[in-house]
PDB file of all heavy atoms in Angstrom:
ATOM      1  N   SER A   1      71.713  55.383  49.918  1.00  0.00           N
ATOM      2  CA  SER A   1      70.939  54.155  49.917  1.00  0.00           C
ATOM      3  C   SER A   1      71.345  53.390  51.176  1.00  0.00           C
ATOM      4  O   SER A   1      71.823  53.995  52.139  1.00  0.00           O
ATOM      5  CB  SER A   1      71.175  53.363  48.636  1.00  0.00           C
ATOM      6  OG  SER A   1      70.314  52.229  48.599  1.00  0.00           O
ATOM      7  N   SER A   2      71.190  52.087  51.195  1.00  0.00           N
ATOM      8  CA  SER A   2      71.454  51.349  52.430  1.00  0.00           C
ATOM      9  C   SER A   2      71.788  49.891  52.142  1.00  0.00           C
ATOM     10  O   SER A   2      71.283  49.300  51.173  1.00  0.00           O
ATOM     11  CB  SER A   2      70.220  51.407  53.337  1.00  0.00           C
ATOM     12  OG  SER A   2      70.319  50.509  54.416  1.00  0.00           O
ATOM     13  N   SER A   3      72.588  49.300  53.004  1.00  0.00           N
ATOM     14  CA  SER A   3      72.863  47.872  52.914  1.00  0.00           C
ATOM     15  C   SER A   3      71.597  47.050  53.135  1.00  0.00           C
ATOM     16  O   SER A   3      71.540  45.872  52.765  1.00  0.00           O
ATOM     17  CB  SER A   3      73.920  47.465  53.949  1.00  0.00           C
ATOM     18  OG  SER A   3      73.460  47.709  55.267  1.00  0.00           O
ATOM     19  N   SER A   4      70.565  47.673  53.704  1.00  0.00           N
ATOM     20  CA  SER A   4      69.305  46.964  53.947  1.00  0.00           C
ATOM     21  C   SER A   4      68.647  46.473  52.661  1.00  0.00           C
ATOM     22  O   SER A   4      67.823  45.553  52.704  1.00  0.00           O
ATOM     23  CB  SER A   4      68.323  47.869  54.700  1.00  0.00           C
ATOM     24  OG  SER A   4      68.801  48.198  55.976  1.00  0.00           O
ATOM     25  N   VAL A   5      69.009  47.065  51.519  1.00  0.00           N
ATOM     26  CA  VAL A   5      68.378  46.646  50.266  1.00  0.00           C
ATOM     27  C   VAL A   5      68.707  45.195  49.929  1.00  0.00           C
ATOM     28  O   VAL A   5      67.988  44.555  49.143  1.00  0.00           O
ATOM     29  CB  VAL A   5      68.777  47.550  49.070  1.00  0.00           C
ATOM     30  CG1 VAL A   5      68.385  48.994  49.331  1.00  0.00           C
ATOM     31  CG2 VAL A   5      70.256  47.428  48.738  1.00  0.00           C
ATOM     32  N   TYR A   6      69.778  44.648  50.519  1.00  0.00           N
ATOM     33  CA  TYR A   6      70.151  43.269  50.206  1.00  0.00           C
ATOM     34  C   TYR A   6      69.186  42.251  50.802  1.00  0.00           C
ATOM     35  O   TYR A   6      69.141  41.103  50.357  1.00  0.00           O
ATOM     36  CB  TYR A   6      71.597  42.994  50.642  1.00  0.00           C
ATOM     37  CG  TYR A   6      72.592  43.701  49.761  1.00  0.00           C
ATOM     38  CD1 TYR A   6      73.210  44.885  50.174  1.00  0.00           C
ATOM     39  CD2 TYR A   6      72.893  43.227  48.491  1.00  0.00           C
ATOM     40  CE1 TYR A   6      74.103  45.554  49.348  1.00  0.00           C
ATOM     41  CE2 TYR A   6      73.783  43.886  47.657  1.00  0.00           C
ATOM     42  CZ  TYR A   6      74.382  45.051  48.093  1.00  0.00           C
ATOM     43  OH  TYR A   6      75.254  45.724  47.273  1.00  0.00           O
ATOM     44  N   GLY A   7      68.415  42.649  51.807  1.00  0.00           N
ATOM     45  CA  GLY A   7      67.310  41.838  52.294  1.00  0.00           C
ATOM     46  C   GLY A   7      67.641  40.381  52.536  1.00  0.00           C
ATOM     47  O   GLY A   7      68.471  40.047  53.377  1.00  0.00           O
ATOM     48  N   LEU A   8      66.982  39.494  51.790  1.00  0.00           N
ATOM     49  CA  LEU A   8      67.140  38.061  51.975  1.00  0.00           C
ATOM     50  C   LEU A   8      68.378  37.482  51.298  1.00  0.00           C
ATOM     51  O   LEU A   8      68.607  36.271  51.359  1.00  0.00           O
ATOM     52  CB  LEU A   8      65.889  37.327  51.455  1.00  0.00           C
ATOM     53  CG  LEU A   8      64.602  37.563  52.247  1.00  0.00           C
ATOM     54  CD1 LEU A   8      63.425  36.863  51.565  1.00  0.00           C
ATOM     55  CD2 LEU A   8      64.736  37.083  53.687  1.00  0.00           C
ATOM     56  N   ASN A   9      69.182  38.322  50.651  1.00  0.00           N
ATOM     57  CA  ASN A   9      70.405  37.822  50.006  1.00  0.00           C
ATOM     58  C   ASN A   9      71.303  37.116  51.025  1.00  0.00           C
ATOM     59  O   ASN A   9      71.511  37.615  52.130  1.00  0.00           O
ATOM     60  CB  ASN A   9      71.191  38.971  49.367  1.00  0.00           C
ATOM     61  CG  ASN A   9      70.528  39.504  48.121  1.00  0.00           C
ATOM     62  OD1 ASN A   9      69.313  39.420  47.979  1.00  0.00           O
ATOM     63  ND2 ASN A   9      71.303  40.076  47.212  1.00  0.00           N
ATOM     64  N   GLU A  10      71.852  35.987  50.640  1.00  0.00           N
ATOM     65  CA  GLU A  10      72.762  35.239  51.507  1.00  0.00           C
ATOM     66  C   GLU A  10      74.106  34.976  50.848  1.00  0.00           C
ATOM     67  O   GLU A  10      74.931  34.222  51.377  1.00  0.00           O
ATOM     68  CB  GLU A  10      72.114  33.903  51.914  1.00  0.00           C
ATOM     69  CG  GLU A  10      70.881  34.077  52.793  1.00  0.00           C
ATOM     70  CD  GLU A  10      70.281  32.757  53.229  1.00  0.00           C
ATOM     71  OE1 GLU A  10      70.819  31.697  52.839  1.00  0.00           O
ATOM     72  OE2 GLU A  10      69.277  32.782  53.960  1.00  0.00           O
ATOM     73  N   LYS A  11      74.352  35.589  49.722  1.00  0.00           N
ATOM     74  CA  LYS A  11      75.644  35.464  49.039  1.00  0.00           C
ATOM     75  C   LYS A  11      76.549  36.595  49.543  1.00  0.00           C
ATOM     76  O   LYS A  11      76.233  37.768  49.391  1.00  0.00           O
ATOM     77  CB  LYS A  11      75.439  35.570  47.523  1.00  0.00           C
ATOM     78  CG  LYS A  11      76.709  35.616  46.704  1.00  0.00           C
ATOM     79  CD  LYS A  11      76.352  35.666  45.207  1.00  0.00           C
ATOM     80  CE  LYS A  11      77.542  36.067  44.356  1.00  0.00           C
ATOM     81  NZ  LYS A  11      77.836  37.503  44.485  1.00  0.00           N
ATOM     82  N   TYR A  12      77.658  36.210  50.167  1.00  0.00           N
ATOM     83  CA  TYR A  12      78.566  37.191  50.760  1.00  0.00           C
ATOM     84  C   TYR A  12      79.915  37.195  50.031  1.00  0.00           C
ATOM     85  O   TYR A  12      80.366  36.148  49.577  1.00  0.00           O
ATOM     86  CB  TYR A  12      78.781  36.880  52.244  1.00  0.00           C
ATOM     87  CG  TYR A  12      77.511  36.903  53.059  1.00  0.00           C
ATOM     88  CD1 TYR A  12      76.960  35.712  53.544  1.00  0.00           C
ATOM     89  CD2 TYR A  12      76.854  38.098  53.336  1.00  0.00           C
ATOM     90  CE1 TYR A  12      75.787  35.721  54.290  1.00  0.00           C
ATOM     91  CE2 TYR A  12      75.676  38.107  54.087  1.00  0.00           C
ATOM     92  CZ  TYR A  12      75.152  36.917  54.559  1.00  0.00           C
ATOM     93  OH  TYR A  12      73.997  36.931  55.292  1.00  0.00           O
ATOM     94  N   PRO A  13      80.570  38.364  49.966  1.00  0.00           N
ATOM     95  CA  PRO A  13      80.074  39.672  50.389  1.00  0.00           C
ATOM     96  C   PRO A  13      78.983  40.184  49.449  1.00  0.00           C
ATOM     97  O   PRO A  13      78.879  39.748  48.303  1.00  0.00           O
ATOM     98  CB  PRO A  13      81.323  40.567  50.318  1.00  0.00           C
ATOM     99  CG  PRO A  13      82.161  39.933  49.261  1.00  0.00           C
ATOM    100  CD  PRO A  13      81.937  38.453  49.391  1.00  0.00           C
ATOM    101  N   PHE A  14      78.181  41.132  49.947  1.00  0.00           N
ATOM    102  CA  PHE A  14      77.136  41.735  49.129  1.00  0.00           C
ATOM    103  C   PHE A  14      77.775  42.550  48.005  1.00  0.00           C
ATOM    104  O   PHE A  14      78.626  43.409  48.250  1.00  0.00           O
ATOM    105  CB  PHE A  14      76.266  42.670  49.965  1.00  0.00           C
ATOM    106  CG  PHE A  14      75.411  41.970  50.992  1.00  0.00           C
ATOM    107  CD1 PHE A  14      75.054  42.623  52.158  1.00  0.00           C
ATOM    108  CD2 PHE A  14      74.942  40.681  50.786  1.00  0.00           C
ATOM    109  CE1 PHE A  14      74.245  41.998  53.110  1.00  0.00           C
ATOM    110  CE2 PHE A  14      74.136  40.046  51.723  1.00  0.00           C
ATOM    111  CZ  PHE A  14      73.787  40.707  52.895  1.00  0.00           C
ATOM    112  N   SER A  15      77.333  42.291  46.791  1.00  0.00           N
ATOM    113  CA  SER A  15      77.886  42.978  45.624  1.00  0.00           C
ATOM    114  C   SER A  15      76.820  43.820  44.944  1.00  0.00           C
ATOM    115  O   SER A  15      75.649  43.421  44.865  1.00  0.00           O
ATOM    116  CB  SER A  15      78.436  41.953  44.621  1.00  0.00           C
ATOM    117  OG  SER A  15      78.743  42.566  43.385  1.00  0.00           O
ATOM    118  N   VAL A  16      77.228  44.971  44.430  1.00  0.00           N
ATOM    119  CA  VAL A  16      76.291  45.831  43.708  1.00  0.00           C
ATOM    120  C   VAL A  16      75.859  45.194  42.390  1.00  0.00           C
ATOM    121  O   VAL A  16      74.911  45.660  41.761  1.00  0.00           O
ATOM    122  CB  VAL A  16      76.894  47.232  43.442  1.00  0.00           C
ATOM    123  CG1 VAL A  16      77.012  48.013  44.734  1.00  0.00           C
ATOM    124  CG2 VAL A  16      78.244  47.123  42.735  1.00  0.00           C
ATOM    125  N   GLN A  17      76.538  44.146  41.972  1.00  0.00           N
ATOM    126  CA  GLN A  17      76.128  43.418  40.775  1.00  0.00           C
ATOM    127  C   GLN A  17      75.020  42.399  41.077  1.00  0.00           C
ATOM    128  O   GLN A  17      74.437  41.831  40.149  1.00  0.00           O
ATOM    129  CB  GLN A  17      77.314  42.687  40.139  1.00  0.00           C
ATOM    130  CG  GLN A  17      78.190  43.572  39.260  1.00  0.00           C
ATOM    131  CD  GLN A  17      79.100  44.485  40.066  1.00  0.00           C
ATOM    132  OE1 GLN A  17      79.718  44.032  41.021  1.00  0.00           O
ATOM    133  NE2 GLN A  17      79.179  45.751  39.685  1.00  0.00           N
ATOM    134  N   ASP A  18      74.716  42.176  42.361  1.00  0.00           N
ATOM    135  CA  ASP A  18      73.697  41.206  42.752  1.00  0.00           C
ATOM    136  C   ASP A  18      72.292  41.796  42.631  1.00  0.00           C
ATOM    137  O   ASP A  18      72.081  43.000  42.788  1.00  0.00           O
ATOM    138  CB  ASP A  18      73.911  40.751  44.200  1.00  0.00           C
ATOM    139  CG  ASP A  18      75.195  39.951  44.380  1.00  0.00           C
ATOM    140  OD1 ASP A  18      75.696  39.411  43.378  1.00  0.00           O
ATOM    141  OD2 ASP A  18      75.688  39.881  45.520  1.00  0.00           O
ATOM    142  N   ASN A  19      71.325  40.916  42.419  1.00  0.00           N
ATOM    143  CA  ASN A  19      69.919  41.302  42.437  1.00  0.00           C
ATOM    144  C   ASN A  19      69.504  41.652  43.867  1.00  0.00           C
ATOM    145  O   ASN A  19      69.889  40.968  44.814  1.00  0.00           O
ATOM    146  CB  ASN A  19      69.092  40.120  41.901  1.00  0.00           C
ATOM    147  CG  ASN A  19      67.597  40.362  41.963  1.00  0.00           C
ATOM    148  OD1 ASN A  19      67.009  40.341  43.030  1.00  0.00           O
ATOM    149  ND2 ASN A  19      66.996  40.567  40.813  1.00  0.00           N
ATOM    150  N   VAL A  20      68.719  42.713  44.020  1.00  0.00           N
ATOM    151  CA  VAL A  20      68.242  43.111  45.359  1.00  0.00           C
ATOM    152  C   VAL A  20      66.727  43.319  45.337  1.00  0.00           C
ATOM    153  O   VAL A  20      66.223  44.378  45.704  1.00  0.00           O
ATOM    154  CB  VAL A  20      68.963  44.374  45.883  1.00  0.00           C
ATOM    155  CG1 VAL A  20      70.392  44.070  46.261  1.00  0.00           C
ATOM    156  CG2 VAL A  20      68.924  45.509  44.864  1.00  0.00           C
ATOM    157  N   ASP A  21      66.019  42.300  44.946  1.00  0.00           N
ATOM    158  CA  ASP A  21      64.566  42.393  44.806  1.00  0.00           C
ATOM    159  C   ASP A  21      63.788  41.778  45.961  1.00  0.00           C
ATOM    160  O   ASP A  21      62.582  41.562  45.845  1.00  0.00           O
ATOM    161  CB  ASP A  21      64.123  41.711  43.498  1.00  0.00           C
ATOM    162  CG  ASP A  21      64.432  42.558  42.279  1.00  0.00           C
ATOM    163  OD1 ASP A  21      64.621  43.780  42.443  1.00  0.00           O
ATOM    164  OD2 ASP A  21      64.491  42.005  41.171  1.00  0.00           O
ATOM    165  N   HIS A  22      64.455  41.498  47.086  1.00  0.00           N
ATOM    166  CA  HIS A  22      63.756  40.868  48.199  1.00  0.00           C
ATOM    167  C   HIS A  22      64.036  41.581  49.518  1.00  0.00           C
ATOM    168  O   HIS A  22      64.582  40.995  50.464  1.00  0.00           O
ATOM    169  CB  HIS A  22      64.131  39.378  48.290  1.00  0.00           C
ATOM    170  CG  HIS A  22      63.744  38.606  47.079  1.00  0.00           C
ATOM    171  ND1 HIS A  22      64.567  38.484  45.973  1.00  0.00           N
ATOM    172  CD2 HIS A  22      62.596  37.949  46.767  1.00  0.00           C
ATOM    173  CE1 HIS A  22      63.953  37.765  45.054  1.00  0.00           C
ATOM    174  NE2 HIS A  22      62.756  37.439  45.500  1.00  0.00           N
ATOM    175  N   PRO A  23      63.674  42.881  49.626  1.00  0.00           N
ATOM    176  CA  PRO A  23      63.840  43.590  50.902  1.00  0.00           C
ATOM    177  C   PRO A  23      62.899  43.015  51.951  1.00  0.00           C
ATOM    178  O   PRO A  23      61.855  42.439  51.620  1.00  0.00           O
ATOM    179  CB  PRO A  23      63.462  45.033  50.541  1.00  0.00           C
ATOM    180  CG  PRO A  23      62.522  44.893  49.378  1.00  0.00           C
ATOM    181  CD  PRO A  23      63.035  43.720  48.591  1.00  0.00           C
ATOM    182  N   ILE A  24      63.259  43.180  53.228  1.00  0.00           N
ATOM    183  CA  ILE A  24      62.416  42.636  54.296  1.00  0.00           C
ATOM    184  C   ILE A  24      61.985  43.710  55.295  1.00  0.00           C
ATOM    185  O   ILE A  24      61.588  43.404  56.420  1.00  0.00           O
ATOM    186  CB  ILE A  24      63.102  41.455  55.017  1.00  0.00           C
ATOM    187  CG1 ILE A  24      64.464  41.856  55.593  1.00  0.00           C
ATOM    188  CG2 ILE A  24      63.242  40.268  54.075  1.00  0.00           C
ATOM    189  CD1 ILE A  24      65.096  40.759  56.448  1.00  0.00           C
ATOM    190  N   SER A  25      62.055  44.964  54.899  1.00  0.00           N
ATOM    191  CA  SER A  25      61.484  46.053  55.688  1.00  0.00           C
ATOM    192  C   SER A  25      61.053  47.145  54.721  1.00  0.00           C
ATOM    193  O   SER A  25      61.587  47.257  53.611  1.00  0.00           O
ATOM    194  CB  SER A  25      62.503  46.626  56.687  1.00  0.00           C
ATOM    195  OG  SER A  25      63.541  47.325  56.011  1.00  0.00           O
ATOM    196  N   LEU A  26      60.081  47.945  55.144  1.00  0.00           N
ATOM    197  CA  LEU A  26      59.644  49.046  54.283  1.00  0.00           C
ATOM    198  C   LEU A  26      60.770  50.048  54.096  1.00  0.00           C
ATOM    199  O   LEU A  26      60.914  50.644  53.017  1.00  0.00           O
ATOM    200  CB  LEU A  26      58.411  49.731  54.870  1.00  0.00           C
ATOM    201  CG  LEU A  26      57.840  50.852  53.992  1.00  0.00           C
ATOM    202  CD1 LEU A  26      57.331  50.312  52.665  1.00  0.00           C
ATOM    203  CD2 LEU A  26      56.740  51.606  54.722  1.00  0.00           C
ATOM    204  N   TYR A  27      61.572  50.255  55.143  1.00  0.00           N
ATOM    205  CA  TYR A  27      62.732  51.141  55.007  1.00  0.00           C
ATOM    206  C   TYR A  27      63.599  50.702  53.835  1.00  0.00           C
ATOM    207  O   TYR A  27      63.957  51.500  52.968  1.00  0.00           O
ATOM    208  CB  TYR A  27      63.542  51.148  56.302  1.00  0.00           C
ATOM    209  CG  TYR A  27      64.905  51.794  56.153  1.00  0.00           C
ATOM    210  CD1 TYR A  27      65.015  53.165  55.943  1.00  0.00           C
ATOM    211  CD2 TYR A  27      66.068  51.027  56.224  1.00  0.00           C
ATOM    212  CE1 TYR A  27      66.259  53.761  55.792  1.00  0.00           C
ATOM    213  CE2 TYR A  27      67.312  51.620  56.071  1.00  0.00           C
ATOM    214  CZ  TYR A  27      67.404  52.989  55.859  1.00  0.00           C
ATOM    215  OH  TYR A  27      68.644  53.571  55.702  1.00  0.00           O
ATOM    216  N   ALA A  28      63.944  49.411  53.790  1.00  0.00           N
ATOM    217  CA  ALA A  28      64.772  48.891  52.703  1.00  0.00           C
ATOM    218  C   ALA A  28      64.079  49.050  51.358  1.00  0.00           C
ATOM    219  O   ALA A  28      64.716  49.387  50.349  1.00  0.00           O
ATOM    220  CB  ALA A  28      65.096  47.418  52.962  1.00  0.00           C
ATOM    221  N   ALA A  29      62.776  48.819  51.335  1.00  0.00           N
ATOM    222  CA  ALA A  29      62.030  48.955  50.081  1.00  0.00           C
ATOM    223  C   ALA A  29      62.066  50.388  49.565  1.00  0.00           C
ATOM    224  O   ALA A  29      62.174  50.620  48.356  1.00  0.00           O
ATOM    225  CB  ALA A  29      60.586  48.495  50.280  1.00  0.00           C
ATOM    226  N   THR A  30      61.997  51.372  50.481  1.00  0.00           N
ATOM    227  CA  THR A  30      62.060  52.767  50.029  1.00  0.00           C
ATOM    228  C   THR A  30      63.443  53.106  49.484  1.00  0.00           C
ATOM    229  O   THR A  30      63.572  53.906  48.555  1.00  0.00           O
ATOM    230  CB  THR A  30      61.693  53.754  51.154  1.00  0.00           C
ATOM    231  OG1 THR A  30      62.637  53.669  52.227  1.00  0.00           O
ATOM    232  CG2 THR A  30      60.284  53.513  51.667  1.00  0.00           C
ATOM    233  N   LYS A  31      64.483  52.508  50.051  1.00  0.00           N
ATOM    234  CA  LYS A  31      65.832  52.768  49.556  1.00  0.00           C
ATOM    235  C   LYS A  31      66.044  52.128  48.184  1.00  0.00           C
ATOM    236  O   LYS A  31      66.691  52.715  47.300  1.00  0.00           O
ATOM    237  CB  LYS A  31      66.871  52.266  50.563  1.00  0.00           C
ATOM    238  CG  LYS A  31      66.950  53.111  51.825  1.00  0.00           C
ATOM    239  CD  LYS A  31      67.324  54.542  51.480  1.00  0.00           C
ATOM    240  CE  LYS A  31      67.527  55.418  52.681  1.00  0.00           C
ATOM    241  NZ  LYS A  31      67.922  56.805  52.320  1.00  0.00           N
ATOM    242  N   LYS A  32      65.522  50.929  47.987  1.00  0.00           N
ATOM    243  CA  LYS A  32      65.561  50.324  46.657  1.00  0.00           C
ATOM    244  C   LYS A  32      64.768  51.184  45.670  1.00  0.00           C
ATOM    245  O   LYS A  32      65.194  51.408  44.524  1.00  0.00           O
ATOM    246  CB  LYS A  32      64.993  48.905  46.703  1.00  0.00           C
ATOM    247  CG  LYS A  32      64.797  48.236  45.337  1.00  0.00           C
ATOM    248  CD  LYS A  32      66.120  48.005  44.610  1.00  0.00           C
ATOM    249  CE  LYS A  32      65.886  47.474  43.181  1.00  0.00           C
ATOM    250  NZ  LYS A  32      65.277  46.150  43.123  1.00  0.00           N
ATOM    251  N   ALA A  33      63.623  51.685  46.106  1.00  0.00           N
ATOM    252  CA  ALA A  33      62.820  52.559  45.255  1.00  0.00           C
ATOM    253  C   ALA A  33      63.607  53.807  44.864  1.00  0.00           C
ATOM    254  O   ALA A  33      63.527  54.274  43.713  1.00  0.00           O
ATOM    255  CB  ALA A  33      61.527  52.946  45.968  1.00  0.00           C
ATOM    256  N   ASN A  34      64.369  54.366  45.801  1.00  0.00           N
ATOM    257  CA  ASN A  34      65.194  55.546  45.496  1.00  0.00           C
ATOM    258  C   ASN A  34      66.171  55.257  44.366  1.00  0.00           C
ATOM    259  O   ASN A  34      66.377  56.091  43.473  1.00  0.00           O
ATOM    260  CB  ASN A  34      65.963  56.003  46.730  1.00  0.00           C
ATOM    261  CG  ASN A  34      65.103  56.674  47.778  1.00  0.00           C
ATOM    262  OD1 ASN A  34      65.548  56.904  48.892  1.00  0.00           O
ATOM    263  ND2 ASN A  34      63.856  56.977  47.460  1.00  0.00           N
ATOM    264  N   GLU A  35      66.782  54.078  44.391  1.00  0.00           N
ATOM    265  CA  GLU A  35      67.726  53.711  43.342  1.00  0.00           C
ATOM    266  C   GLU A  35      67.027  53.629  41.981  1.00  0.00           C
ATOM    267  O   GLU A  35      67.553  54.097  40.963  1.00  0.00           O
ATOM    268  CB  GLU A  35      68.394  52.378  43.679  1.00  0.00           C
ATOM    269  CG  GLU A  35      69.259  52.440  44.924  1.00  0.00           C
ATOM    270  CD  GLU A  35      69.890  51.108  45.295  1.00  0.00           C
ATOM    271  OE1 GLU A  35      69.681  50.128  44.549  1.00  0.00           O
ATOM    272  OE2 GLU A  35      70.591  51.044  46.325  1.00  0.00           O
ATOM    273  N   LEU A  36      65.838  53.056  41.965  1.00  0.00           N
ATOM    274  CA  LEU A  36      65.074  52.943  40.719  1.00  0.00           C
ATOM    275  C   LEU A  36      64.619  54.317  40.218  1.00  0.00           C
ATOM    276  O   LEU A  36      64.667  54.604  39.015  1.00  0.00           O
ATOM    277  CB  LEU A  36      63.859  52.036  40.936  1.00  0.00           C
ATOM    278  CG  LEU A  36      64.142  50.584  41.332  1.00  0.00           C
ATOM    279  CD1 LEU A  36      62.845  49.857  41.644  1.00  0.00           C
ATOM    280  CD2 LEU A  36      64.906  49.868  40.234  1.00  0.00           C
ATOM    281  N   MET A  37      64.198  55.154  41.149  1.00  0.00           N
ATOM    282  CA  MET A  37      63.775  56.508  40.781  1.00  0.00           C
ATOM    283  C   MET A  37      64.953  57.297  40.203  1.00  0.00           C
ATOM    284  O   MET A  37      64.811  58.006  39.200  1.00  0.00           O
ATOM    285  CB  MET A  37      63.205  57.222  42.011  1.00  0.00           C
ATOM    286  CG  MET A  37      61.908  56.608  42.529  1.00  0.00           C
ATOM    287  SD  MET A  37      61.541  57.078  44.244  1.00  0.00           S
ATOM    288  CE  MET A  37      61.093  58.803  44.029  1.00  0.00           C
TER     289      MET A  37
END
């Protein structure tokens, strides 16, 4: 997957417990999709 999935998140450090529903590139969106798949 990729750190790009964190998108618009501004809470640091990025945690896997955080919501990642706001990607800002199609690349990031495909990586989030991979996790869901």
